[in-house]
Amino acid sequence: MSRVVTLTMNPALDLSTTVKEVVPFAKLRCSPMRRDPGGGGINVARVVCRLGADATAIYPIGGPAGEMLKRLVDHECVESLPIAIAGETREDFSVFETETKKQFRFIAPGPKISVAECRACLDAFESVSRTASFCVVSGSLPPGVSTEFFAEAARRANGAGCRLALDTTGDGLKAAALHEGVALVKPNQNEFAELSGAKSLAPKELVKAARDIIAHGKIGAIALTLAEQGAILVTRTESFYARAPKVEVESTVGAGDSFLGAMLWSLSEQCSWKDAFRFGVAAGSAALVSPGTDLAHPETIHRLLADVTIEEIT
């Protein structure tokens, strides 16, 4: 039985390298290229499997880049359920500038996906979700796919009796979370401001806004990530603020996905919301010290756990 099932509609072959300095027109001598499977749900599944649980990743693929993406997912011991499409899987590119410690990220839009291809992805997601403890829809949508896709995915997950975690933005987040119902959403500060209208960074104000949404909507819990400011978790009965460990940042790619993956792994192991939140914050920080698109590793997560400070907000 798959404990976690993920759906990624706009996966990517992630390429990353380092260079001393990014300057225009010059030939930039780079370090050897790193290739990783990418896209929100795929990254979540990678972290879940690294922590020792089972995960099935569902995603559309097309062309040579799609074939390589699947090989890389298989290499990480994540069960794959790829859906063939006519378009070519996108490739994203990130460069770490060693002179300034800055990271430059170049994100492609992705291929167009037909109505039939979308339906095939949703059908597979609904079928596999019937045997999962959690299902995840995460990441952006490719060109031509309506944000109503997320609401349909939520309906399918709810119909399959699977708890859904949603990590997306804008109208898609509102349509699925507020009208269809999800167990967990993981917005960042900007995404939460869109969802709630909250503008303050004060933890108590953010908690109040999150409680209002939970009380009047169909969301079970909100895990709000605030970058170096830490994170906030609000459920129907509890509220926590976490201070993240101080780390030297190598890459910001996949920090949110690592956070969500570790939380879901912990919840699937029957941990409390508070303990799962601690694992999530540690994993988000662990991803920051991994190069390129490498995500969080278990040994780093466990090392940072003791440095995560959590306080209850009443």
C-alpha atoms as a PDB file:
ATOM      1  CA  MET A   1       0.000   0.000   0.000  1.00  0.00           C
ATOM      2  CA  SER A   2       1.344   3.462  -0.918  1.00  0.00           C
ATOM      3  CA  ARG A   3       1.314   5.713   2.107  1.00  0.00           C
ATOM      4  CA  VAL A   4       1.628   8.925   0.072  1.00  0.00           C
ATOM      5  CA  VAL A   5       0.466   9.553  -3.498  1.00  0.00           C
ATOM      6  CA  THR A   6       1.537  12.716  -5.325  1.00  0.00           C
ATOM      7  CA  LEU A   7       0.278  14.377  -8.499  1.00  0.00           C
ATOM      8  CA  THR A   8       2.567  16.790 -10.358  1.00  0.00           C
ATOM      9  CA  MET A   9       1.043  18.305 -13.483  1.00  0.00           C
ATOM     10  CA  ASN A  10       4.071  20.350 -14.541  1.00  0.00           C
ATOM     11  CA  PRO A  11       7.131  18.223 -13.732  1.00  0.00           C
ATOM     12  CA  ALA A  12      10.597  19.245 -14.842  1.00  0.00           C
ATOM     13  CA  LEU A  13      14.029  17.877 -15.474  1.00  0.00           C
ATOM     14  CA  ASP A  14      16.007  20.129 -13.119  1.00  0.00           C
ATOM     15  CA  LEU A  15      19.523  21.093 -14.190  1.00  0.00           C
ATOM     16  CA  SER A  16      21.894  22.905 -11.839  1.00  0.00           C
ATOM     17  CA  THR A  17      25.496  24.068 -11.836  1.00  0.00           C
ATOM     18  CA  THR A  18      27.815  26.588 -10.197  1.00  0.00           C
ATOM     19  CA  VAL A  19      29.896  29.405 -11.625  1.00  0.00           C
ATOM     20  CA  LYS A  20      32.197  31.992 -10.044  1.00  0.00           C
ATOM     21  CA  GLU A  21      30.215  34.967 -11.330  1.00  0.00           C
ATOM     22  CA  VAL A  22      27.337  35.513 -13.754  1.00  0.00           C
ATOM     23  CA  VAL A  23      28.317  38.220 -16.260  1.00  0.00           C
ATOM     24  CA  PRO A  24      26.776  39.101 -19.652  1.00  0.00           C
ATOM     25  CA  PHE A  25      28.249  37.956 -22.983  1.00  0.00           C
ATOM     26  CA  ALA A  26      31.239  36.128 -21.448  1.00  0.00           C
ATOM     27  CA  LYS A  27      31.821  32.367 -21.628  1.00  0.00           C
ATOM     28  CA  LEU A  28      31.052  31.151 -18.126  1.00  0.00           C
ATOM     29  CA  ARG A  29      33.048  28.102 -17.021  1.00  0.00           C
ATOM     30  CA  CYS A  30      30.660  25.995 -14.972  1.00  0.00           C
ATOM     31  CA  SER A  31      31.011  23.046 -12.629  1.00  0.00           C
ATOM     32  CA  PRO A  32      29.735  19.630 -13.806  1.00  0.00           C
ATOM     33  CA  MET A  33      25.984  19.662 -14.471  1.00  0.00           C
ATOM     34  CA  ARG A  34      23.678  18.063 -11.915  1.00  0.00           C
ATOM     35  CA  ARG A  35      20.342  16.555 -13.025  1.00  0.00           C
ATOM     36  CA  ASP A  36      17.438  15.822 -10.695  1.00  0.00           C
ATOM     37  CA  PRO A  37      13.749  15.002 -11.140  1.00  0.00           C
ATOM     38  CA  GLY A  38      11.717  18.094 -10.320  1.00  0.00           C
ATOM     39  CA  GLY A  39       8.211  19.425  -9.727  1.00  0.00           C
ATOM     40  CA  GLY A  40       6.362  19.894  -6.447  1.00  0.00           C
ATOM     41  CA  GLY A  41       4.743  16.486  -6.006  1.00  0.00           C
ATOM     42  CA  ILE A  42       7.762  14.582  -7.311  1.00  0.00           C
ATOM     43  CA  ASN A  43       9.974  16.389  -4.793  1.00  0.00           C
ATOM     44  CA  VAL A  44       7.545  15.579  -1.972  1.00  0.00           C
ATOM     45  CA  ALA A  45       7.623  11.902  -2.954  1.00  0.00           C
ATOM     46  CA  ARG A  46      11.438  11.931  -3.060  1.00  0.00           C
ATOM     47  CA  VAL A  47      11.625  13.193   0.527  1.00  0.00           C
ATOM     48  CA  VAL A  48       8.957  10.753   1.772  1.00  0.00           C
ATOM     49  CA  CYS A  49      10.914   7.829   0.310  1.00  0.00           C
ATOM     50  CA  ARG A  50      14.232   9.102   1.670  1.00  0.00           C
ATOM     51  CA  LEU A  51      12.676   9.026   5.121  1.00  0.00           C
ATOM     52  CA  GLY A  52      11.715   5.380   4.669  1.00  0.00           C
ATOM     53  CA  ALA A  53       8.038   5.395   3.646  1.00  0.00           C
ATOM     54  CA  ASP A  54       6.374   4.428   0.369  1.00  0.00           C
ATOM     55  CA  ALA A  55       5.301   6.995  -2.199  1.00  0.00           C
ATOM     56  CA  THR A  56       3.812   6.862  -5.678  1.00  0.00           C
ATOM     57  CA  ALA A  57       4.434   9.830  -7.986  1.00  0.00           C
ATOM     58  CA  ILE A  58       1.945  10.458 -10.807  1.00  0.00           C
ATOM     59  CA  TYR A  59       3.037  12.904 -13.513  1.00  0.00           C
ATOM     60  CA  PRO A  60       2.763  13.486 -17.280  1.00  0.00           C
ATOM     61  CA  ILE A  61       5.902  12.978 -19.391  1.00  0.00           C
ATOM     62  CA  GLY A  62       6.847  13.456 -23.025  1.00  0.00           C
ATOM     63  CA  GLY A  63       9.974  13.324 -25.175  1.00  0.00           C
ATOM     64  CA  PRO A  64      13.607  12.579 -24.223  1.00  0.00           C
ATOM     65  CA  ALA A  65      13.510  14.920 -21.215  1.00  0.00           C
ATOM     66  CA  GLY A  66      10.478  13.035 -19.911  1.00  0.00           C
ATOM     67  CA  GLU A  67      12.244   9.691 -20.334  1.00  0.00           C
ATOM     68  CA  MET A  68      15.243  10.962 -18.359  1.00  0.00           C
ATOM     69  CA  LEU A  69      12.931  12.383 -15.699  1.00  0.00           C
ATOM     70  CA  LYS A  70      11.356   8.961 -15.178  1.00  0.00           C
ATOM     71  CA  ARG A  71      14.779   7.278 -14.952  1.00  0.00           C
ATOM     72  CA  LEU A  72      15.819   9.753 -12.267  1.00  0.00           C
ATOM     73  CA  VAL A  73      12.581   9.227 -10.303  1.00  0.00           C
ATOM     74  CA  ASP A  74      13.091   5.452 -10.494  1.00  0.00           C
ATOM     75  CA  HIS A  75      16.703   5.886  -9.345  1.00  0.00           C
ATOM     76  CA  GLU A  76      15.422   7.490  -6.125  1.00  0.00           C
ATOM     77  CA  CYS A  77      13.272   4.383  -5.444  1.00  0.00           C
ATOM     78  CA  VAL A  78      10.043   6.327  -5.871  1.00  0.00           C
ATOM     79  CA  GLU A  79       7.274   4.322  -7.492  1.00  0.00           C
ATOM     80  CA  SER A  80       6.377   6.040 -10.785  1.00  0.00           C
ATOM     81  CA  LEU A  81       3.075   6.210 -12.584  1.00  0.00           C
ATOM     82  CA  PRO A  82       3.904   8.372 -15.631  1.00  0.00           C
ATOM     83  CA  ILE A  83       1.177   9.446 -18.064  1.00  0.00           C
ATOM     84  CA  ALA A  84       2.356   9.793 -21.674  1.00  0.00           C
ATOM     85  CA  ILE A  85       1.621  13.142 -23.350  1.00  0.00           C
ATOM     86  CA  ALA A  86       2.304  14.525 -26.813  1.00  0.00           C
ATOM     87  CA  GLY A  87       4.293  17.540 -25.554  1.00  0.00           C
ATOM     88  CA  GLU A  88       7.891  17.660 -24.326  1.00  0.00           C
ATOM     89  CA  THR A  89       8.648  17.682 -20.591  1.00  0.00           C
ATOM     90  CA  ARG A  90      10.202  21.003 -19.615  1.00  0.00           C
ATOM     91  CA  GLU A  91      13.742  21.570 -18.357  1.00  0.00           C
ATOM     92  CA  ASP A  92      14.506  24.107 -15.610  1.00  0.00           C
ATOM     93  CA  PHE A  93      17.933  25.524 -14.896  1.00  0.00           C
ATOM     94  CA  SER A  94      19.576  27.018 -11.794  1.00  0.00           C
ATOM     95  CA  VAL A  95      23.018  28.559 -11.337  1.00  0.00           C
ATOM     96  CA  PHE A  96      24.752  29.171  -8.008  1.00  0.00           C
ATOM     97  CA  GLU A  97      27.183  32.086  -8.067  1.00  0.00           C
ATOM     98  CA  THR A  98      30.063  31.153  -5.739  1.00  0.00           C
ATOM     99  CA  GLU A  99      31.437  34.695  -5.568  1.00  0.00           C
ATOM    100  CA  THR A 100      28.248  36.190  -4.117  1.00  0.00           C
ATOM    101  CA  LYS A 101      26.410  33.070  -2.832  1.00  0.00           C
ATOM    102  CA  LYS A 102      23.419  34.039  -4.996  1.00  0.00           C
ATOM    103  CA  GLN A 103      21.264  31.570  -6.876  1.00  0.00           C
ATOM    104  CA  PHE A 104      19.696  32.275 -10.277  1.00  0.00           C
ATOM    105  CA  ARG A 105      16.701  30.158 -11.309  1.00  0.00           C
ATOM    106  CA  PHE A 106      15.292  29.897 -14.839  1.00  0.00           C
ATOM    107  CA  ILE A 107      11.828  28.297 -15.022  1.00  0.00           C
ATOM    108  CA  ALA A 108      10.287  27.109 -18.312  1.00  0.00           C
ATOM    109  CA  PRO A 109       6.484  27.182 -18.798  1.00  0.00           C
ATOM    110  CA  GLY A 110       6.009  23.490 -19.628  1.00  0.00           C
ATOM    111  CA  PRO A 111       4.139  21.752 -22.469  1.00  0.00           C
ATOM    112  CA  LYS A 112       0.474  22.153 -23.349  1.00  0.00           C
ATOM    113  CA  ILE A 113      -1.618  19.275 -22.038  1.00  0.00           C
ATOM    114  CA  SER A 114      -4.875  18.221 -23.654  1.00  0.00           C
ATOM    115  CA  VAL A 115      -8.186  17.633 -21.890  1.00  0.00           C
ATOM    116  CA  ALA A 116      -7.807  13.877 -22.431  1.00  0.00           C
ATOM    117  CA  GLU A 117      -4.276  13.912 -20.974  1.00  0.00           C
ATOM    118  CA  CYS A 118      -5.516  15.847 -17.919  1.00  0.00           C
ATOM    119  CA  ARG A 119      -8.312  13.351 -17.440  1.00  0.00           C
ATOM    120  CA  ALA A 120      -5.868  10.441 -17.610  1.00  0.00           C
ATOM    121  CA  CYS A 121      -3.763  12.032 -14.852  1.00  0.00           C
ATOM    122  CA  LEU A 122      -6.830  12.588 -12.658  1.00  0.00           C
ATOM    123  CA  ASP A 123      -8.119   9.060 -13.237  1.00  0.00           C
ATOM    124  CA  ALA A 124      -4.780   7.571 -12.177  1.00  0.00           C
ATOM    125  CA  PHE A 125      -4.640   9.886  -9.149  1.00  0.00           C
ATOM    126  CA  GLU A 126      -8.141   8.928  -8.000  1.00  0.00           C
ATOM    127  CA  SER A 127      -7.477   5.207  -8.446  1.00  0.00           C
ATOM    128  CA  VAL A 128      -4.195   5.093  -6.520  1.00  0.00           C
ATOM    129  CA  SER A 129      -5.449   7.475  -3.804  1.00  0.00           C
ATOM    130  CA  ARG A 130      -7.913   4.810  -2.625  1.00  0.00           C
ATOM    131  CA  THR A 131      -5.002   2.921  -1.031  1.00  0.00           C
ATOM    132  CA  ALA A 132      -3.084   5.917   0.375  1.00  0.00           C
ATOM    133  CA  SER A 133      -2.989   7.579   3.769  1.00  0.00           C
ATOM    134  CA  PHE A 134      -2.236  10.984   2.215  1.00  0.00           C
ATOM    135  CA  CYS A 135      -2.405  12.335  -1.313  1.00  0.00           C
ATOM    136  CA  VAL A 136      -0.681  15.479  -2.538  1.00  0.00           C
ATOM    137  CA  VAL A 137      -1.289  17.876  -5.400  1.00  0.00           C
ATOM    138  CA  SER A 138       1.599  20.284  -5.652  1.00  0.00           C
ATOM    139  CA  GLY A 139       3.203  22.745  -8.043  1.00  0.00           C
ATOM    140  CA  SER A 140       2.174  24.856 -10.997  1.00  0.00           C
ATOM    141  CA  LEU A 141      -0.043  24.006 -13.950  1.00  0.00           C
ATOM    142  CA  PRO A 142       1.226  23.814 -17.538  1.00  0.00           C
ATOM    143  CA  PRO A 143      -0.147  26.183 -20.204  1.00  0.00           C
ATOM    144  CA  GLY A 144      -3.788  25.698 -21.106  1.00  0.00           C
ATOM    145  CA  VAL A 145      -4.860  23.884 -17.927  1.00  0.00           C
ATOM    146  CA  SER A 146      -7.530  25.753 -15.944  1.00  0.00           C
ATOM    147  CA  THR A 147      -7.046  26.432 -12.240  1.00  0.00           C
ATOM    148  CA  GLU A 148     -10.308  24.502 -11.779  1.00  0.00           C
ATOM    149  CA  PHE A 149      -8.069  21.442 -12.149  1.00  0.00           C
ATOM    150  CA  PHE A 150      -7.192  21.706  -8.446  1.00  0.00           C
ATOM    151  CA  ALA A 151     -10.848  21.712  -7.419  1.00  0.00           C
ATOM    152  CA  GLU A 152     -11.454  18.613  -9.535  1.00  0.00           C
ATOM    153  CA  ALA A 153      -8.402  16.929  -7.970  1.00  0.00           C
ATOM    154  CA  ALA A 154      -9.786  17.737  -4.507  1.00  0.00           C
ATOM    155  CA  ARG A 155     -13.172  16.249  -5.445  1.00  0.00           C
ATOM    156  CA  ARG A 156     -11.456  13.095  -6.695  1.00  0.00           C
ATOM    157  CA  ALA A 157      -9.339  12.766  -3.539  1.00  0.00           C
ATOM    158  CA  ASN A 158     -12.318  13.332  -1.253  1.00  0.00           C
ATOM    159  CA  GLY A 159     -14.342  10.806  -3.226  1.00  0.00           C
ATOM    160  CA  ALA A 160     -11.528   8.275  -2.831  1.00  0.00           C
ATOM    161  CA  GLY A 161     -11.509   8.845   0.934  1.00  0.00           C
ATOM    162  CA  CYS A 162      -7.934  10.144   0.960  1.00  0.00           C
ATOM    163  CA  ARG A 163      -6.685  13.102   3.000  1.00  0.00           C
ATOM    164  CA  LEU A 164      -5.422  15.733   0.569  1.00  0.00           C
ATOM    165  CA  ALA A 165      -2.473  18.098   1.053  1.00  0.00           C
ATOM    166  CA  LEU A 166      -2.436  20.990  -1.407  1.00  0.00           C
ATOM    167  CA  ASP A 167       0.509  23.224  -2.251  1.00  0.00           C
ATOM    168  CA  THR A 168      -0.312  25.743  -4.963  1.00  0.00           C
ATOM    169  CA  THR A 169      -1.259  29.401  -5.429  1.00  0.00           C
ATOM    170  CA  GLY A 170      -3.983  31.880  -6.349  1.00  0.00           C
ATOM    171  CA  ASP A 171      -7.379  30.916  -7.708  1.00  0.00           C
ATOM    172  CA  GLY A 172      -6.515  27.224  -7.809  1.00  0.00           C
ATOM    173  CA  LEU A 173      -5.760  27.209  -4.072  1.00  0.00           C
ATOM    174  CA  LYS A 174      -8.975  29.090  -3.273  1.00  0.00           C
ATOM    175  CA  ALA A 175     -11.206  26.920  -5.454  1.00  0.00           C
ATOM    176  CA  ALA A 176      -9.930  23.646  -4.022  1.00  0.00           C
ATOM    177  CA  ALA A 177      -9.319  24.585  -0.400  1.00  0.00           C
ATOM    178  CA  LEU A 178     -12.255  26.867   0.327  1.00  0.00           C
ATOM    179  CA  HIS A 179     -14.960  25.126  -1.689  1.00  0.00           C
ATOM    180  CA  GLU A 180     -14.027  21.433  -1.987  1.00  0.00           C
ATOM    181  CA  GLY A 181     -12.116  20.842   1.229  1.00  0.00           C
ATOM    182  CA  VAL A 182      -8.542  19.684   1.937  1.00  0.00           C
ATOM    183  CA  ALA A 183      -6.799  18.267   4.998  1.00  0.00           C
ATOM    184  CA  LEU A 184      -3.728  20.530   4.756  1.00  0.00           C
ATOM    185  CA  VAL A 185      -2.523  23.514   2.746  1.00  0.00           C
ATOM    186  CA  LYS A 186       1.068  24.788   2.766  1.00  0.00           C
ATOM    187  CA  PRO A 187       1.213  28.381   1.526  1.00  0.00           C
ATOM    188  CA  ASN A 188       4.157  30.738   1.804  1.00  0.00           C
ATOM    189  CA  GLN A 189       3.651  34.311   3.003  1.00  0.00           C
ATOM    190  CA  ASN A 190       2.582  35.723  -0.390  1.00  0.00           C
ATOM    191  CA  GLU A 191       0.255  32.800  -1.122  1.00  0.00           C
ATOM    192  CA  PHE A 192      -1.343  33.133   2.310  1.00  0.00           C
ATOM    193  CA  ALA A 193      -1.859  36.869   1.795  1.00  0.00           C
ATOM    194  CA  GLU A 194      -3.766  36.044  -1.413  1.00  0.00           C
ATOM    195  CA  LEU A 195      -5.853  33.449   0.393  1.00  0.00           C
ATOM    196  CA  SER A 196      -6.615  35.447   3.550  1.00  0.00           C
ATOM    197  CA  GLY A 197      -5.872  39.114   2.870  1.00  0.00           C
ATOM    198  CA  ALA A 198      -3.462  39.139   5.840  1.00  0.00           C
ATOM    199  CA  LYS A 199      -0.625  41.625   5.487  1.00  0.00           C
ATOM    200  CA  SER A 200       0.980  41.499   8.926  1.00  0.00           C
ATOM    201  CA  LEU A 201       3.972  39.258   9.659  1.00  0.00           C
ATOM    202  CA  ALA A 202       3.175  39.128  13.379  1.00  0.00           C
ATOM    203  CA  PRO A 203       2.617  35.475  14.343  1.00  0.00           C
ATOM    204  CA  LYS A 204      -0.544  36.179  16.356  1.00  0.00           C
ATOM    205  CA  GLU A 205      -2.134  38.098  13.471  1.00  0.00           C
ATOM    206  CA  LEU A 206      -1.278  35.319  11.019  1.00  0.00           C
ATOM    207  CA  VAL A 207      -2.694  32.725  13.390  1.00  0.00           C
ATOM    208  CA  LYS A 208      -5.927  34.722  13.740  1.00  0.00           C
ATOM    209  CA  ALA A 209      -6.289  34.925   9.945  1.00  0.00           C
ATOM    210  CA  ALA A 210      -5.598  31.185   9.598  1.00  0.00           C
ATOM    211  CA  ARG A 211      -8.122  30.333  12.315  1.00  0.00           C
ATOM    212  CA  ASP A 212     -10.763  32.411  10.555  1.00  0.00           C
ATOM    213  CA  ILE A 213     -10.196  30.495   7.318  1.00  0.00           C
ATOM    214  CA  ILE A 214     -10.342  27.113   9.056  1.00  0.00           C
ATOM    215  CA  ALA A 215     -13.467  28.076  11.013  1.00  0.00           C
ATOM    216  CA  HIS A 216     -15.375  29.287   7.956  1.00  0.00           C
ATOM    217  CA  GLY A 217     -13.962  27.033   5.261  1.00  0.00           C
ATOM    218  CA  LYS A 218     -13.150  23.408   4.596  1.00  0.00           C
ATOM    219  CA  ILE A 219      -9.444  23.340   5.472  1.00  0.00           C
ATOM    220  CA  GLY A 220      -8.250  21.027   8.237  1.00  0.00           C
ATOM    221  CA  ALA A 221      -4.854  22.653   8.863  1.00  0.00           C
ATOM    222  CA  ILE A 222      -2.626  25.411   7.482  1.00  0.00           C
ATOM    223  CA  ALA A 223       1.182  25.163   7.533  1.00  0.00           C
ATOM    224  CA  LEU A 224       2.465  28.644   6.692  1.00  0.00           C
ATOM    225  CA  THR A 225       6.146  28.917   5.763  1.00  0.00           C
ATOM    226  CA  LEU A 226       7.860  32.279   6.338  1.00  0.00           C
ATOM    227  CA  ALA A 227      11.386  31.659   4.955  1.00  0.00           C
ATOM    228  CA  GLU A 228      14.046  32.709   7.499  1.00  0.00           C
ATOM    229  CA  GLN A 229      11.263  33.931   9.845  1.00  0.00           C
ATOM    230  CA  GLY A 230      10.255  30.309  10.514  1.00  0.00           C
ATOM    231  CA  ALA A 231       6.791  28.775  10.101  1.00  0.00           C
ATOM    232  CA  ILE A 232       3.321  28.647  11.632  1.00  0.00           C
ATOM    233  CA  LEU A 233       0.976  25.676  11.955  1.00  0.00           C
ATOM    234  CA  VAL A 234      -2.710  26.152  12.708  1.00  0.00           C
ATOM    235  CA  THR A 235      -5.159  23.266  13.085  1.00  0.00           C
ATOM    236  CA  ARG A 236      -8.737  23.276  14.362  1.00  0.00           C
ATOM    237  CA  THR A 237      -7.501  22.940  17.959  1.00  0.00           C
ATOM    238  CA  GLU A 238      -3.830  23.999  18.066  1.00  0.00           C
ATOM    239  CA  SER A 239      -1.492  26.773  16.886  1.00  0.00           C
ATOM    240  CA  PHE A 240       2.310  26.704  16.842  1.00  0.00           C
ATOM    241  CA  TYR A 241       5.128  29.011  15.797  1.00  0.00           C
ATOM    242  CA  ALA A 242       8.514  27.499  14.878  1.00  0.00           C
ATOM    243  CA  ARG A 243      11.872  29.220  14.635  1.00  0.00           C
ATOM    244  CA  ALA A 244      14.008  27.616  11.942  1.00  0.00           C
ATOM    245  CA  PRO A 245      17.657  26.657  12.568  1.00  0.00           C
ATOM    246  CA  LYS A 246      20.293  29.036  11.234  1.00  0.00           C
ATOM    247  CA  VAL A 247      22.065  27.433   8.285  1.00  0.00           C
ATOM    248  CA  GLU A 248      24.347  28.537   5.472  1.00  0.00           C
ATOM    249  CA  VAL A 249      22.194  28.514   2.335  1.00  0.00           C
ATOM    250  CA  GLU A 250      23.455  26.557  -0.676  1.00  0.00           C
ATOM    251  CA  SER A 251      20.151  26.419  -2.561  1.00  0.00           C
ATOM    252  CA  THR A 252      16.528  27.416  -1.988  1.00  0.00           C
ATOM    253  CA  VAL A 253      15.188  24.871  -4.517  1.00  0.00           C
ATOM    254  CA  GLY A 254      12.753  22.399  -2.973  1.00  0.00           C
ATOM    255  CA  ALA A 255      12.791  23.752   0.583  1.00  0.00           C
ATOM    256  CA  GLY A 256       8.990  23.971   0.692  1.00  0.00           C
ATOM    257  CA  ASP A 257       8.624  20.546  -0.914  1.00  0.00           C
ATOM    258  CA  SER A 258      11.035  19.062   1.641  1.00  0.00           C
ATOM    259  CA  PHE A 259       9.008  20.699   4.419  1.00  0.00           C
ATOM    260  CA  LEU A 260       5.765  19.179   3.133  1.00  0.00           C
ATOM    261  CA  GLY A 261       7.294  15.765   2.413  1.00  0.00           C
ATOM    262  CA  ALA A 262       8.699  15.432   5.933  1.00  0.00           C
ATOM    263  CA  MET A 263       5.425  16.578   7.497  1.00  0.00           C
ATOM    264  CA  LEU A 264       3.396  14.026   5.543  1.00  0.00           C
ATOM    265  CA  TRP A 265       5.886  11.257   6.278  1.00  0.00           C
ATOM    266  CA  SER A 266       5.593  12.057   9.978  1.00  0.00           C
ATOM    267  CA  LEU A 267       1.790  12.217   9.908  1.00  0.00           C
ATOM    268  CA  SER A 268       1.628   8.920   8.032  1.00  0.00           C
ATOM    269  CA  GLU A 269       3.708   7.458  10.880  1.00  0.00           C
ATOM    270  CA  GLN A 270       0.922   8.544  13.282  1.00  0.00           C
ATOM    271  CA  CYS A 271       2.911  11.418  14.782  1.00  0.00           C
ATOM    272  CA  SER A 272       1.135  14.421  16.294  1.00  0.00           C
ATOM    273  CA  TRP A 273       0.687  17.643  14.330  1.00  0.00           C
ATOM    274  CA  LYS A 274       3.315  19.306  16.543  1.00  0.00           C
ATOM    275  CA  ASP A 275       5.924  16.589  15.933  1.00  0.00           C
ATOM    276  CA  ALA A 276       5.154  16.536  12.203  1.00  0.00           C
ATOM    277  CA  PHE A 277       5.560  20.321  12.127  1.00  0.00           C
ATOM    278  CA  ARG A 278       8.981  20.014  13.793  1.00  0.00           C
ATOM    279  CA  PHE A 279      10.077  17.480  11.158  1.00  0.00           C
ATOM    280  CA  GLY A 280       8.809  19.766   8.410  1.00  0.00           C
ATOM    281  CA  VAL A 281      10.748  22.786   9.630  1.00  0.00           C
ATOM    282  CA  ALA A 282      13.915  20.714  10.056  1.00  0.00           C
ATOM    283  CA  ALA A 283      13.523  19.294   6.533  1.00  0.00           C
ATOM    284  CA  GLY A 284      12.961  22.731   4.999  1.00  0.00           C
ATOM    285  CA  SER A 285      16.187  23.917   6.618  1.00  0.00           C
ATOM    286  CA  ALA A 286      17.993  20.724   5.583  1.00  0.00           C
ATOM    287  CA  ALA A 287      17.102  21.394   1.937  1.00  0.00           C
ATOM    288  CA  LEU A 288      18.796  24.796   2.128  1.00  0.00           C
ATOM    289  CA  VAL A 289      22.203  23.218   2.764  1.00  0.00           C
ATOM    290  CA  SER A 290      21.884  20.726  -0.112  1.00  0.00           C
ATOM    291  CA  PRO A 291      23.410  21.818  -3.437  1.00  0.00           C
ATOM    292  CA  GLY A 292      21.379  22.445  -6.567  1.00  0.00           C
ATOM    293  CA  THR A 293      18.095  20.519  -6.532  1.00  0.00           C
ATOM    294  CA  ASP A 294      19.186  17.781  -4.140  1.00  0.00           C
ATOM    295  CA  LEU A 295      16.466  18.373  -1.458  1.00  0.00           C
ATOM    296  CA  ALA A 296      16.679  17.345   2.213  1.00  0.00           C
ATOM    297  CA  HIS A 297      18.534  14.254   3.428  1.00  0.00           C
ATOM    298  CA  PRO A 298      17.431  12.256   6.526  1.00  0.00           C
ATOM    299  CA  GLU A 299      20.732  12.607   8.377  1.00  0.00           C
ATOM    300  CA  THR A 300      20.622  16.402   8.048  1.00  0.00           C
ATOM    301  CA  ILE A 301      16.952  16.519   9.047  1.00  0.00           C
ATOM    302  CA  HIS A 302      17.621  14.547  12.235  1.00  0.00           C
ATOM    303  CA  ARG A 303      20.687  16.667  13.031  1.00  0.00           C
ATOM    304  CA  LEU A 304      18.665  19.886  12.779  1.00  0.00           C
ATOM    305  CA  LEU A 305      15.611  18.620  14.698  1.00  0.00           C
ATOM    306  CA  ALA A 306      17.039  19.652  18.056  1.00  0.00           C
ATOM    307  CA  ASP A 307      17.602  23.198  16.776  1.00  0.00           C
ATOM    308  CA  VAL A 308      13.939  23.739  15.851  1.00  0.00           C
ATOM    309  CA  THR A 309      12.236  25.813  18.558  1.00  0.00           C
ATOM    310  CA  ILE A 310       8.439  25.532  18.737  1.00  0.00           C
ATOM    311  CA  GLU A 311       6.111  27.549  20.913  1.00  0.00           C
ATOM    312  CA  GLU A 312       2.358  27.330  21.241  1.00  0.00           C
ATOM    313  CA  ILE A 313       0.361  30.416  20.309  1.00  0.00           C
ATOM    314  CA  THR A 314      -2.777  30.937  22.335  1.00  0.00           C
END
